[in-house]
Amino acid sequence: MVHPKHSHMELDEHALLEEFDERVKEGVVIYEGDHQVIRETYNGFPFEFRILKGHASKPEVSSSGSTPSASSATISSNGSTAHRPKTPEYLPGSDISLTGFEVRNSNADVGLGHYMIFNKFCAARPHYLLLTQNGHRRQHESLNFDDFGILWGVLSVLNKDWEAKKPGARRYMGMFNCGIDSGCSRLHKHMQVLAVPDEAEFGLWPDSASKYEEPKCIPFKYYKHDLDGRLDELSREREAWKRYLEFTAAAQEALMKAGYIPNAPDGVDATEIIPHNIILTREWLLVIPRTQAGMNGADANAAGYLGMVWISDEGRMRKWTDQGPVELLTRLGLPNDI
């Protein structure tokens, strides 16, 4: 069963992009359009390092994963109040600021208990968050039926122009970093939606998996499913949801086989957590089991497993290159032969 919600979702991609640019100009949203990009290939695997200086002030989750509070949260808005919506800066239990980041040109309440807001620390133009309206929901919880449904719904709407092959259309993907060891930076449960790089500049390896699916090229464990574009909308969403459940179960089994014990927040049973990254497009689903967020100053979230690494300076890049980027991704996850 799939939620029949996409028909009433009101998102104007062009209005959202205009508003995103306004927020960047006001200083509310941090995005450097002229950021340095370094593309290299390591062991046959393509990487794109984006040096985003504004990310130097991006907060990190403590290793204890302690419950955040509005008074101690480090993300806060600092821009214009002219069009600031009448919402509390933080939802009860949340560590993600709402005020100043909610969209106004479309319906911020996208349904199924979620808000759509602009990300503060952006790696793409544009870059959004889908967060639960319940501020006590946590990032170590796997996606549930409603979470997955709203992510699929937003991608369905935002990718309409892309799928219609309109000139200049953007393609969007969704991501979720589940658990402290997945590379998440906030504890309030949220997903990310962002524009995909131009294929002519940097292609996503799952788009052409036959070229890269050699063990020497991708030594880390992952689960991938190509979605059948011939299916109707609800059937394709149902297929993606089914595969997500199968993949997270397989990831949990692989992590247990490796003897891995998840890094659990205070008061949470580690056996209830399946640390993983999910990347979702309209064409495929990718799930990667994770064992640690970073190593020796090099951290990875879901985007990292596409070769998209977001860092604040070249020193952080050297943390990656000195350890071997592909080898690092394997150590932060699991080897493919488990």
C-alpha atoms as a PDB file:
ATOM      1  CA  MET A   1       0.000   0.000   0.000  1.00  0.00           C
ATOM      2  CA  VAL A   2       1.329   3.432  -0.960  1.00  0.00           C
ATOM      3  CA  HIS A   3       0.192   6.869   0.167  1.00  0.00           C
ATOM      4  CA  PRO A   4      -2.011   8.605  -2.460  1.00  0.00           C
ATOM      5  CA  LYS A   5      -0.511  11.989  -1.622  1.00  0.00           C
ATOM      6  CA  HIS A   6       1.464  13.165  -4.640  1.00  0.00           C
ATOM      7  CA  SER A   7      -1.482  14.664  -6.512  1.00  0.00           C
ATOM      8  CA  HIS A   8      -1.988  17.463  -3.957  1.00  0.00           C
ATOM      9  CA  MET A   9       1.660  18.263  -3.213  1.00  0.00           C
ATOM     10  CA  GLU A  10       2.279  21.890  -4.205  1.00  0.00           C
ATOM     11  CA  LEU A  11       5.920  22.590  -5.006  1.00  0.00           C
ATOM     12  CA  ASP A  12       6.966  25.124  -7.626  1.00  0.00           C
ATOM     13  CA  GLU A  13      10.551  24.258  -8.501  1.00  0.00           C
ATOM     14  CA  HIS A  14      11.257  27.613 -10.165  1.00  0.00           C
ATOM     15  CA  ALA A  15       9.807  29.635  -7.283  1.00  0.00           C
ATOM     16  CA  LEU A  16      11.777  27.513  -4.818  1.00  0.00           C
ATOM     17  CA  LEU A  17      15.002  28.157  -6.695  1.00  0.00           C
ATOM     18  CA  GLU A  18      14.382  31.901  -6.733  1.00  0.00           C
ATOM     19  CA  GLU A  19      13.719  31.862  -3.016  1.00  0.00           C
ATOM     20  CA  PHE A  20      16.827  29.753  -2.405  1.00  0.00           C
ATOM     21  CA  ASP A  21      18.927  32.387  -4.186  1.00  0.00           C
ATOM     22  CA  GLU A  22      17.271  35.114  -2.074  1.00  0.00           C
ATOM     23  CA  ARG A  23      18.121  33.306   1.157  1.00  0.00           C
ATOM     24  CA  VAL A  24      21.726  32.887   0.039  1.00  0.00           C
ATOM     25  CA  LYS A  25      21.940  36.602  -0.764  1.00  0.00           C
ATOM     26  CA  GLU A  26      20.478  37.462   2.667  1.00  0.00           C
ATOM     27  CA  GLY A  27      23.016  35.238   4.416  1.00  0.00           C
ATOM     28  CA  VAL A  28      20.411  32.900   5.887  1.00  0.00           C
ATOM     29  CA  VAL A  29      21.466  29.985   3.702  1.00  0.00           C
ATOM     30  CA  ILE A  30      25.196  29.320   3.330  1.00  0.00           C
ATOM     31  CA  TYR A  31      26.116  28.379  -0.232  1.00  0.00           C
ATOM     32  CA  GLU A  32      29.136  29.442  -2.256  1.00  0.00           C
ATOM     33  CA  GLY A  33      28.278  29.214  -5.930  1.00  0.00           C
ATOM     34  CA  ASP A  34      31.906  29.803  -6.889  1.00  0.00           C
ATOM     35  CA  HIS A  35      33.302  27.071  -4.643  1.00  0.00           C
ATOM     36  CA  GLN A  36      36.362  25.164  -5.783  1.00  0.00           C
ATOM     37  CA  VAL A  37      35.749  21.710  -7.292  1.00  0.00           C
ATOM     38  CA  ILE A  38      38.501  19.105  -7.663  1.00  0.00           C
ATOM     39  CA  ARG A  39      37.743  15.943  -9.639  1.00  0.00           C
ATOM     40  CA  GLU A  40      40.022  12.933  -9.469  1.00  0.00           C
ATOM     41  CA  THR A  41      39.756   9.189 -10.093  1.00  0.00           C
ATOM     42  CA  TYR A  42      41.140   6.706  -7.576  1.00  0.00           C
ATOM     43  CA  ASN A  43      41.346   3.009  -8.424  1.00  0.00           C
ATOM     44  CA  GLY A  44      38.844   3.573 -11.200  1.00  0.00           C
ATOM     45  CA  PHE A  45      36.317   5.287  -8.903  1.00  0.00           C
ATOM     46  CA  PRO A  46      35.472   8.950  -9.673  1.00  0.00           C
ATOM     47  CA  PHE A  47      35.522  11.553  -6.904  1.00  0.00           C
ATOM     48  CA  GLU A  48      34.391  15.163  -6.807  1.00  0.00           C
ATOM     49  CA  PHE A  49      35.728  17.189  -3.870  1.00  0.00           C
ATOM     50  CA  ARG A  50      33.747  20.373  -3.251  1.00  0.00           C
ATOM     51  CA  ILE A  51      35.590  22.836  -1.055  1.00  0.00           C
ATOM     52  CA  LEU A  52      32.860  24.699   0.819  1.00  0.00           C
ATOM     53  CA  LYS A  53      34.467  27.163   3.218  1.00  0.00           C
ATOM     54  CA  GLY A  54      31.154  27.894   4.925  1.00  0.00           C
ATOM     55  CA  HIS A  55      31.054  24.296   6.152  1.00  0.00           C
ATOM     56  CA  ALA A  56      33.868  25.081   8.582  1.00  0.00           C
ATOM     57  CA  SER A  57      31.203  26.226  11.055  1.00  0.00           C
ATOM     58  CA  LYS A  58      28.864  23.291  10.420  1.00  0.00           C
ATOM     59  CA  PRO A  59      27.996  21.528  13.693  1.00  0.00           C
ATOM     60  CA  GLU A  60      28.689  17.873  14.412  1.00  0.00           C
ATOM     61  CA  VAL A  61      26.827  15.308  16.479  1.00  0.00           C
ATOM     62  CA  SER A  62      28.575  14.246  19.678  1.00  0.00           C
ATOM     63  CA  SER A  63      29.661  10.631  19.868  1.00  0.00           C
ATOM     64  CA  SER A  64      27.182  10.071  22.706  1.00  0.00           C
ATOM     65  CA  GLY A  65      24.313  11.216  20.520  1.00  0.00           C
ATOM     66  CA  SER A  66      22.794  12.959  23.516  1.00  0.00           C
ATOM     67  CA  THR A  67      19.336  14.445  23.156  1.00  0.00           C
ATOM     68  CA  PRO A  68      19.569  18.047  21.886  1.00  0.00           C
ATOM     69  CA  SER A  69      17.743  21.039  23.255  1.00  0.00           C
ATOM     70  CA  ALA A  70      16.829  24.337  21.688  1.00  0.00           C
ATOM     71  CA  SER A  71      19.012  26.232  24.136  1.00  0.00           C
ATOM     72  CA  SER A  72      22.114  24.164  23.329  1.00  0.00           C
ATOM     73  CA  ALA A  73      21.575  23.602  19.614  1.00  0.00           C
ATOM     74  CA  THR A  74      24.211  25.207  17.431  1.00  0.00           C
ATOM     75  CA  ILE A  75      22.244  25.763  14.231  1.00  0.00           C
ATOM     76  CA  SER A  76      20.423  29.074  14.291  1.00  0.00           C
ATOM     77  CA  SER A  77      19.144  31.512  11.706  1.00  0.00           C
ATOM     78  CA  ASN A  78      20.879  34.835  11.261  1.00  0.00           C
ATOM     79  CA  GLY A  79      19.190  36.410   8.265  1.00  0.00           C
ATOM     80  CA  SER A  80      16.407  38.792   7.492  1.00  0.00           C
ATOM     81  CA  THR A  81      13.172  38.609   9.484  1.00  0.00           C
ATOM     82  CA  ALA A  82      11.078  40.269   6.809  1.00  0.00           C
ATOM     83  CA  HIS A  83       9.369  37.091   5.660  1.00  0.00           C
ATOM     84  CA  ARG A  84      10.123  34.844   8.609  1.00  0.00           C
ATOM     85  CA  PRO A  85       7.219  32.414   9.219  1.00  0.00           C
ATOM     86  CA  LYS A  86       5.412  32.301  12.551  1.00  0.00           C
ATOM     87  CA  THR A  87       7.005  29.115  13.859  1.00  0.00           C
ATOM     88  CA  PRO A  88       9.230  28.467  16.868  1.00  0.00           C
ATOM     89  CA  GLU A  89      12.944  28.573  16.147  1.00  0.00           C
ATOM     90  CA  TYR A  90      13.196  24.962  17.309  1.00  0.00           C
ATOM     91  CA  LEU A  91      10.490  22.366  17.571  1.00  0.00           C
ATOM     92  CA  PRO A  92      10.420  20.705  21.011  1.00  0.00           C
ATOM     93  CA  GLY A  93      13.240  18.164  21.102  1.00  0.00           C
ATOM     94  CA  SER A  94      14.809  19.400  17.859  1.00  0.00           C
ATOM     95  CA  ASP A  95      18.319  20.606  17.053  1.00  0.00           C
ATOM     96  CA  ILE A  96      17.415  21.994  13.613  1.00  0.00           C
ATOM     97  CA  SER A  97      16.356  25.616  13.321  1.00  0.00           C
ATOM     98  CA  LEU A  98      13.122  26.329  11.463  1.00  0.00           C
ATOM     99  CA  THR A  99      12.776  30.078  11.657  1.00  0.00           C
ATOM    100  CA  GLY A 100      14.068  31.768   8.531  1.00  0.00           C
ATOM    101  CA  PHE A 101      14.575  28.506   6.664  1.00  0.00           C
ATOM    102  CA  GLU A 102      11.003  27.504   5.818  1.00  0.00           C
ATOM    103  CA  VAL A 103       9.957  27.963   2.208  1.00  0.00           C
ATOM    104  CA  ARG A 104       7.272  30.546   1.533  1.00  0.00           C
ATOM    105  CA  ASN A 105       6.683  30.215  -2.235  1.00  0.00           C
ATOM    106  CA  SER A 106       5.384  26.667  -1.855  1.00  0.00           C
ATOM    107  CA  ASN A 107       3.666  24.728   0.898  1.00  0.00           C
ATOM    108  CA  ALA A 108       6.300  24.054   3.564  1.00  0.00           C
ATOM    109  CA  ASP A 109       4.026  21.451   5.174  1.00  0.00           C
ATOM    110  CA  VAL A 110       4.482  18.789   2.509  1.00  0.00           C
ATOM    111  CA  GLY A 111       2.313  16.312   4.371  1.00  0.00           C
ATOM    112  CA  LEU A 112       2.663  13.043   6.272  1.00  0.00           C
ATOM    113  CA  GLY A 113       4.069  14.881   9.292  1.00  0.00           C
ATOM    114  CA  HIS A 114       6.993  16.573   7.537  1.00  0.00           C
ATOM    115  CA  TYR A 115       8.234  20.097   6.854  1.00  0.00           C
ATOM    116  CA  MET A 116      10.320  21.099   3.858  1.00  0.00           C
ATOM    117  CA  ILE A 117      12.908  23.766   4.641  1.00  0.00           C
ATOM    118  CA  PHE A 118      16.093  25.139   3.129  1.00  0.00           C
ATOM    119  CA  ASN A 119      19.276  23.519   4.371  1.00  0.00           C
ATOM    120  CA  LYS A 120      21.534  25.991   6.134  1.00  0.00           C
ATOM    121  CA  PHE A 121      24.850  24.472   5.040  1.00  0.00           C
ATOM    122  CA  CYS A 122      24.348  23.715   1.362  1.00  0.00           C
ATOM    123  CA  ALA A 123      26.462  21.676  -1.028  1.00  0.00           C
ATOM    124  CA  ALA A 124      24.282  22.232  -4.098  1.00  0.00           C
ATOM    125  CA  ARG A 125      21.918  24.752  -5.650  1.00  0.00           C
ATOM    126  CA  PRO A 126      19.331  24.116  -4.334  1.00  0.00           C
ATOM    127  CA  HIS A 127      19.572  21.943  -1.208  1.00  0.00           C
ATOM    128  CA  TYR A 128      16.569  21.155   1.027  1.00  0.00           C
ATOM    129  CA  LEU A 129      15.770  19.287   4.232  1.00  0.00           C
ATOM    130  CA  LEU A 130      12.654  17.209   4.863  1.00  0.00           C
ATOM    131  CA  LEU A 131      12.306  16.956   8.618  1.00  0.00           C
ATOM    132  CA  THR A 132       9.672  15.399  10.811  1.00  0.00           C
ATOM    133  CA  GLN A 133       7.231  17.762  12.486  1.00  0.00           C
ATOM    134  CA  ASN A 134       7.779  15.724  15.639  1.00  0.00           C
ATOM    135  CA  GLY A 135      11.081  17.112  16.935  1.00  0.00           C
ATOM    136  CA  HIS A 136      11.637  14.041  19.099  1.00  0.00           C
ATOM    137  CA  ARG A 137      12.025  11.718  16.128  1.00  0.00           C
ATOM    138  CA  ARG A 138      15.658  10.707  15.822  1.00  0.00           C
ATOM    139  CA  GLN A 139      18.161  10.215  13.038  1.00  0.00           C
ATOM    140  CA  HIS A 140      19.073   6.705  14.206  1.00  0.00           C
ATOM    141  CA  GLU A 141      15.566   5.497  13.311  1.00  0.00           C
ATOM    142  CA  SER A 142      15.341   3.899   9.864  1.00  0.00           C
ATOM    143  CA  LEU A 143      12.930   5.508   7.427  1.00  0.00           C
ATOM    144  CA  ASN A 144       9.336   4.509   8.019  1.00  0.00           C
ATOM    145  CA  PHE A 145       6.468   4.335   5.561  1.00  0.00           C
ATOM    146  CA  ASP A 146       5.640   8.053   5.831  1.00  0.00           C
ATOM    147  CA  ASP A 147       9.294   9.188   5.656  1.00  0.00           C
ATOM    148  CA  PHE A 148       9.949   7.196   2.525  1.00  0.00           C
ATOM    149  CA  GLY A 149       6.644   8.232   0.986  1.00  0.00           C
ATOM    150  CA  ILE A 150       7.266  11.951   1.396  1.00  0.00           C
ATOM    151  CA  LEU A 151      10.814  11.640   0.050  1.00  0.00           C
ATOM    152  CA  TRP A 152       9.522   9.845  -3.030  1.00  0.00           C
ATOM    153  CA  GLY A 153       6.715  12.381  -3.422  1.00  0.00           C
ATOM    154  CA  VAL A 154       9.021  15.394  -3.345  1.00  0.00           C
ATOM    155  CA  LEU A 155      11.390  13.771  -5.835  1.00  0.00           C
ATOM    156  CA  SER A 156       8.433  12.980  -8.074  1.00  0.00           C
ATOM    157  CA  VAL A 157       7.324  16.618  -8.183  1.00  0.00           C
ATOM    158  CA  LEU A 158      10.756  18.257  -8.443  1.00  0.00           C
ATOM    159  CA  ASN A 159      11.910  15.918 -11.230  1.00  0.00           C
ATOM    160  CA  LYS A 160       8.946  16.578 -13.527  1.00  0.00           C
ATOM    161  CA  ASP A 161      10.842  18.947 -15.814  1.00  0.00           C
ATOM    162  CA  TRP A 162      13.851  16.629 -15.878  1.00  0.00           C
ATOM    163  CA  GLU A 163      11.739  13.656 -16.849  1.00  0.00           C
ATOM    164  CA  ALA A 164      10.000  15.770 -19.498  1.00  0.00           C
ATOM    165  CA  LYS A 165      13.500  16.526 -20.880  1.00  0.00           C
ATOM    166  CA  LYS A 166      12.956  20.272 -20.703  1.00  0.00           C
ATOM    167  CA  PRO A 167      16.063  22.334 -21.541  1.00  0.00           C
ATOM    168  CA  GLY A 168      17.987  23.399 -18.443  1.00  0.00           C
ATOM    169  CA  ALA A 169      15.947  21.162 -16.122  1.00  0.00           C
ATOM    170  CA  ARG A 170      17.566  19.992 -12.912  1.00  0.00           C
ATOM    171  CA  ARG A 171      17.636  16.445 -11.660  1.00  0.00           C
ATOM    172  CA  TYR A 172      17.131  15.849  -7.931  1.00  0.00           C
ATOM    173  CA  MET A 173      18.108  13.043  -5.586  1.00  0.00           C
ATOM    174  CA  GLY A 174      17.246  12.246  -1.975  1.00  0.00           C
ATOM    175  CA  MET A 175      19.553  11.144   0.838  1.00  0.00           C
ATOM    176  CA  PHE A 176      19.245   9.907   4.400  1.00  0.00           C
ATOM    177  CA  ASN A 177      22.071   9.344   6.887  1.00  0.00           C
ATOM    178  CA  CYS A 178      20.793   6.906   9.497  1.00  0.00           C
ATOM    179  CA  GLY A 179      22.617   6.871  12.821  1.00  0.00           C
ATOM    180  CA  ILE A 180      25.673   8.533  14.299  1.00  0.00           C
ATOM    181  CA  ASP A 181      27.971   6.243  12.308  1.00  0.00           C
ATOM    182  CA  SER A 182      26.364   7.229   8.988  1.00  0.00           C
ATOM    183  CA  GLY A 183      27.838  10.724   8.897  1.00  0.00           C
ATOM    184  CA  CYS A 184      24.781  12.685  10.075  1.00  0.00           C
ATOM    185  CA  SER A 185      25.342  16.112  11.628  1.00  0.00           C
ATOM    186  CA  ARG A 186      21.981  16.569  13.404  1.00  0.00           C
ATOM    187  CA  LEU A 187      19.881  14.283  15.609  1.00  0.00           C
ATOM    188  CA  HIS A 188      16.368  15.421  14.636  1.00  0.00           C
ATOM    189  CA  LYS A 189      15.223  13.010  11.938  1.00  0.00           C
ATOM    190  CA  HIS A 190      15.598  14.563   8.499  1.00  0.00           C
ATOM    191  CA  MET A 191      16.231  13.667   4.874  1.00  0.00           C
ATOM    192  CA  GLN A 192      17.973  15.749   2.241  1.00  0.00           C
ATOM    193  CA  VAL A 193      16.934  16.640  -1.303  1.00  0.00           C
ATOM    194  CA  LEU A 194      19.422  18.317  -3.607  1.00  0.00           C
ATOM    195  CA  ALA A 195      20.271  18.932  -7.234  1.00  0.00           C
ATOM    196  CA  VAL A 196      22.449  16.307  -8.904  1.00  0.00           C
ATOM    197  CA  PRO A 197      25.697  17.439 -10.594  1.00  0.00           C
ATOM    198  CA  ASP A 198      25.592  18.021 -14.325  1.00  0.00           C
ATOM    199  CA  GLU A 199      26.250  14.635 -15.925  1.00  0.00           C
ATOM    200  CA  ALA A 200      28.714  16.193 -18.348  1.00  0.00           C
ATOM    201  CA  GLU A 201      30.838  17.320 -15.393  1.00  0.00           C
ATOM    202  CA  PHE A 202      30.407  14.471 -12.912  1.00  0.00           C
ATOM    203  CA  GLY A 203      28.282  11.392 -13.518  1.00  0.00           C
ATOM    204  CA  LEU A 204      26.840   9.271 -10.705  1.00  0.00           C
ATOM    205  CA  TRP A 205      28.281   5.770 -10.840  1.00  0.00           C
ATOM    206  CA  PRO A 206      24.927   4.032 -10.150  1.00  0.00           C
ATOM    207  CA  ASP A 207      23.658   5.545 -13.412  1.00  0.00           C
ATOM    208  CA  SER A 208      26.206   3.468 -15.284  1.00  0.00           C
ATOM    209  CA  ALA A 209      26.803   0.697 -12.780  1.00  0.00           C
ATOM    210  CA  SER A 210      27.906  -1.820 -15.396  1.00  0.00           C
ATOM    211  CA  LYS A 211      31.024   0.296 -15.912  1.00  0.00           C
ATOM    212  CA  TYR A 212      31.949   0.512 -12.240  1.00  0.00           C
ATOM    213  CA  GLU A 213      30.633  -2.680 -10.658  1.00  0.00           C
ATOM    214  CA  GLU A 214      34.023  -4.372 -10.697  1.00  0.00           C
ATOM    215  CA  PRO A 215      35.142  -5.546  -7.228  1.00  0.00           C
ATOM    216  CA  LYS A 216      38.460  -3.710  -7.523  1.00  0.00           C
ATOM    217  CA  CYS A 217      36.641  -0.468  -8.254  1.00  0.00           C
ATOM    218  CA  ILE A 218      33.921  -0.694  -5.611  1.00  0.00           C
ATOM    219  CA  PRO A 219      35.247  -2.741  -2.684  1.00  0.00           C
ATOM    220  CA  PHE A 220      32.675  -1.454  -0.179  1.00  0.00           C
ATOM    221  CA  LYS A 221      29.388  -3.241   0.419  1.00  0.00           C
ATOM    222  CA  TYR A 222      26.259  -1.721  -1.060  1.00  0.00           C
ATOM    223  CA  TYR A 223      22.799  -2.761  -2.167  1.00  0.00           C
ATOM    224  CA  LYS A 224      21.394  -1.329  -5.380  1.00  0.00           C
ATOM    225  CA  HIS A 225      18.126  -1.740  -7.220  1.00  0.00           C
ATOM    226  CA  ASP A 226      17.206  -0.226 -10.581  1.00  0.00           C
ATOM    227  CA  LEU A 227      13.594   0.914 -10.584  1.00  0.00           C
ATOM    228  CA  ASP A 228      11.400  -0.123 -13.491  1.00  0.00           C
ATOM    229  CA  GLY A 229      10.502   3.058 -15.343  1.00  0.00           C
ATOM    230  CA  ARG A 230       7.697   1.247 -17.156  1.00  0.00           C
ATOM    231  CA  LEU A 231       5.705   0.940 -13.931  1.00  0.00           C
ATOM    232  CA  ASP A 232       3.058   3.478 -12.960  1.00  0.00           C
ATOM    233  CA  GLU A 233       3.887   5.983 -10.218  1.00  0.00           C
ATOM    234  CA  LEU A 234       2.423   4.077  -7.271  1.00  0.00           C
ATOM    235  CA  SER A 235       3.869   0.737  -8.378  1.00  0.00           C
ATOM    236  CA  ARG A 236       7.362   2.227  -8.738  1.00  0.00           C
ATOM    237  CA  GLU A 237       7.146   3.775  -5.285  1.00  0.00           C
ATOM    238  CA  ARG A 238       5.914   0.475  -3.858  1.00  0.00           C
ATOM    239  CA  GLU A 239       8.841  -1.300  -5.492  1.00  0.00           C
ATOM    240  CA  ALA A 240      11.351   1.188  -4.027  1.00  0.00           C
ATOM    241  CA  TRP A 241       9.850   0.909  -0.529  1.00  0.00           C
ATOM    242  CA  LYS A 242       9.912  -2.903  -0.651  1.00  0.00           C
ATOM    243  CA  ARG A 243      13.541  -2.926  -1.713  1.00  0.00           C
ATOM    244  CA  TYR A 244      14.487  -0.453   1.028  1.00  0.00           C
ATOM    245  CA  LEU A 245      13.089  -2.805   3.655  1.00  0.00           C
ATOM    246  CA  GLU A 246      14.932  -5.747   2.107  1.00  0.00           C
ATOM    247  CA  PHE A 247      18.200  -3.833   1.888  1.00  0.00           C
ATOM    248  CA  THR A 248      18.152  -2.551   5.470  1.00  0.00           C
ATOM    249  CA  ALA A 249      17.456  -6.089   6.703  1.00  0.00           C
ATOM    250  CA  ALA A 250      20.391  -7.352   4.637  1.00  0.00           C
ATOM    251  CA  ALA A 251      22.579  -4.517   5.942  1.00  0.00           C
ATOM    252  CA  GLN A 252      21.735  -5.409   9.527  1.00  0.00           C
ATOM    253  CA  GLU A 253      22.625  -9.046   8.879  1.00  0.00           C
ATOM    254  CA  ALA A 254      25.943  -8.081   7.287  1.00  0.00           C
ATOM    255  CA  LEU A 255      26.814  -5.752  10.175  1.00  0.00           C
ATOM    256  CA  MET A 256      26.039  -8.471  12.694  1.00  0.00           C
ATOM    257  CA  LYS A 257      28.145 -10.965  10.719  1.00  0.00           C
ATOM    258  CA  ALA A 258      31.043  -8.514  10.879  1.00  0.00           C
ATOM    259  CA  GLY A 259      30.644  -8.298  14.656  1.00  0.00           C
ATOM    260  CA  TYR A 260      29.790  -4.604  14.528  1.00  0.00           C
ATOM    261  CA  ILE A 261      27.969  -2.961  17.444  1.00  0.00           C
ATOM    262  CA  PRO A 262      26.268   0.339  16.473  1.00  0.00           C
ATOM    263  CA  ASN A 263      27.238   3.573  18.181  1.00  0.00           C
ATOM    264  CA  ALA A 264      23.966   4.188  20.024  1.00  0.00           C
ATOM    265  CA  PRO A 265      22.749   7.449  21.599  1.00  0.00           C
ATOM    266  CA  ASP A 266      22.323   7.503  25.364  1.00  0.00           C
ATOM    267  CA  GLY A 267      19.422   5.318  26.470  1.00  0.00           C
ATOM    268  CA  VAL A 268      18.945   3.608  23.089  1.00  0.00           C
ATOM    269  CA  ASP A 269      19.350  -0.135  22.531  1.00  0.00           C
ATOM    270  CA  ALA A 270      22.115  -0.618  19.957  1.00  0.00           C
ATOM    271  CA  THR A 271      20.334  -3.646  18.505  1.00  0.00           C
ATOM    272  CA  GLU A 272      17.522  -1.351  17.345  1.00  0.00           C
ATOM    273  CA  ILE A 273      19.841   0.669  15.084  1.00  0.00           C
ATOM    274  CA  ILE A 274      20.891  -0.147  11.512  1.00  0.00           C
ATOM    275  CA  PRO A 275      23.482   2.491  10.575  1.00  0.00           C
ATOM    276  CA  HIS A 276      23.219   3.077   6.840  1.00  0.00           C
ATOM    277  CA  ASN A 277      23.063   5.617   4.053  1.00  0.00           C
ATOM    278  CA  ILE A 278      20.301   5.689   1.483  1.00  0.00           C
ATOM    279  CA  ILE A 279      20.413   7.517  -1.837  1.00  0.00           C
ATOM    280  CA  LEU A 280      17.209   7.614  -3.858  1.00  0.00           C
ATOM    281  CA  THR A 281      16.613   8.842  -7.371  1.00  0.00           C
ATOM    282  CA  ARG A 282      13.677   8.254  -9.675  1.00  0.00           C
ATOM    283  CA  GLU A 283      15.784   5.587 -11.399  1.00  0.00           C
ATOM    284  CA  TRP A 284      17.454   3.627  -8.603  1.00  0.00           C
ATOM    285  CA  LEU A 285      17.855   3.016  -4.876  1.00  0.00           C
ATOM    286  CA  LEU A 286      21.207   2.616  -3.130  1.00  0.00           C
ATOM    287  CA  VAL A 287      21.764   1.519   0.491  1.00  0.00           C
ATOM    288  CA  ILE A 288      25.192   1.346   2.160  1.00  0.00           C
ATOM    289  CA  PRO A 289      25.762  -0.225   5.611  1.00  0.00           C
ATOM    290  CA  ARG A 290      28.016   1.918   7.816  1.00  0.00           C
ATOM    291  CA  THR A 291      30.347   1.206  10.722  1.00  0.00           C
ATOM    292  CA  GLN A 292      31.763   4.656  11.485  1.00  0.00           C
ATOM    293  CA  ALA A 293      31.223   8.246  10.421  1.00  0.00           C
ATOM    294  CA  GLY A 294      34.843   9.087   9.797  1.00  0.00           C
ATOM    295  CA  MET A 295      38.483   8.269  10.389  1.00  0.00           C
ATOM    296  CA  ASN A 296      41.507  10.458  11.042  1.00  0.00           C
ATOM    297  CA  GLY A 297      39.689  13.682  10.177  1.00  0.00           C
ATOM    298  CA  ALA A 298      37.915  12.417   7.041  1.00  0.00           C
ATOM    299  CA  ASP A 299      34.135  11.996   7.327  1.00  0.00           C
ATOM    300  CA  ALA A 300      31.588  10.681   4.841  1.00  0.00           C
ATOM    301  CA  ASN A 301      27.832  10.894   4.553  1.00  0.00           C
ATOM    302  CA  ALA A 302      25.631   9.335   1.856  1.00  0.00           C
ATOM    303  CA  ALA A 303      27.000  11.635  -0.857  1.00  0.00           C
ATOM    304  CA  GLY A 304      30.503  10.389  -0.165  1.00  0.00           C
ATOM    305  CA  TYR A 305      29.538   6.970  -1.479  1.00  0.00           C
ATOM    306  CA  LEU A 306      28.730   8.572  -4.808  1.00  0.00           C
ATOM    307  CA  GLY A 307      32.213  10.074  -4.775  1.00  0.00           C
ATOM    308  CA  MET A 308      30.812  13.487  -3.783  1.00  0.00           C
ATOM    309  CA  VAL A 309      32.897  14.725  -0.854  1.00  0.00           C
ATOM    310  CA  TRP A 310      32.029  18.016   0.844  1.00  0.00           C
ATOM    311  CA  ILE A 311      34.891  19.581   2.787  1.00  0.00           C
ATOM    312  CA  SER A 312      35.742  23.005   4.180  1.00  0.00           C
ATOM    313  CA  ASP A 313      39.358  23.285   2.980  1.00  0.00           C
ATOM    314  CA  GLU A 314      42.144  21.503   1.118  1.00  0.00           C
ATOM    315  CA  GLY A 315      43.557  20.253   4.399  1.00  0.00           C
ATOM    316  CA  ARG A 316      40.397  18.184   4.832  1.00  0.00           C
ATOM    317  CA  MET A 317      40.854  16.883   1.300  1.00  0.00           C
ATOM    318  CA  ARG A 318      44.342  15.677   2.173  1.00  0.00           C
ATOM    319  CA  LYS A 319      42.822  13.714   5.046  1.00  0.00           C
ATOM    320  CA  TRP A 320      40.979  11.798   2.332  1.00  0.00           C
ATOM    321  CA  THR A 321      43.740  11.447  -0.229  1.00  0.00           C
ATOM    322  CA  ASP A 322      46.389  10.430   2.331  1.00  0.00           C
ATOM    323  CA  GLN A 323      44.213   7.488   3.438  1.00  0.00           C
ATOM    324  CA  GLY A 324      43.133   6.476  -0.066  1.00  0.00           C
ATOM    325  CA  PRO A 325      39.544   7.630  -0.782  1.00  0.00           C
ATOM    326  CA  VAL A 326      38.177   4.268  -1.938  1.00  0.00           C
ATOM    327  CA  GLU A 327      39.872   2.399   0.890  1.00  0.00           C
ATOM    328  CA  LEU A 328      38.513   4.952   3.349  1.00  0.00           C
ATOM    329  CA  LEU A 329      34.926   4.427   2.158  1.00  0.00           C
ATOM    330  CA  THR A 330      35.394   0.692   2.680  1.00  0.00           C
ATOM    331  CA  ARG A 331      36.682   1.151   6.228  1.00  0.00           C
ATOM    332  CA  LEU A 332      33.769   3.453   7.060  1.00  0.00           C
ATOM    333  CA  GLY A 333      31.382   0.793   5.794  1.00  0.00           C
ATOM    334  CA  LEU A 334      31.960  -2.895   5.129  1.00  0.00           C
ATOM    335  CA  PRO A 335      34.064  -4.761   2.567  1.00  0.00           C
ATOM    336  CA  ASN A 336      32.039  -6.134  -0.337  1.00  0.00           C
ATOM    337  CA  ASP A 337      32.921  -9.767   0.412  1.00  0.00           C
ATOM    338  CA  ILE A 338      31.034  -9.870   3.725  1.00  0.00           C
END
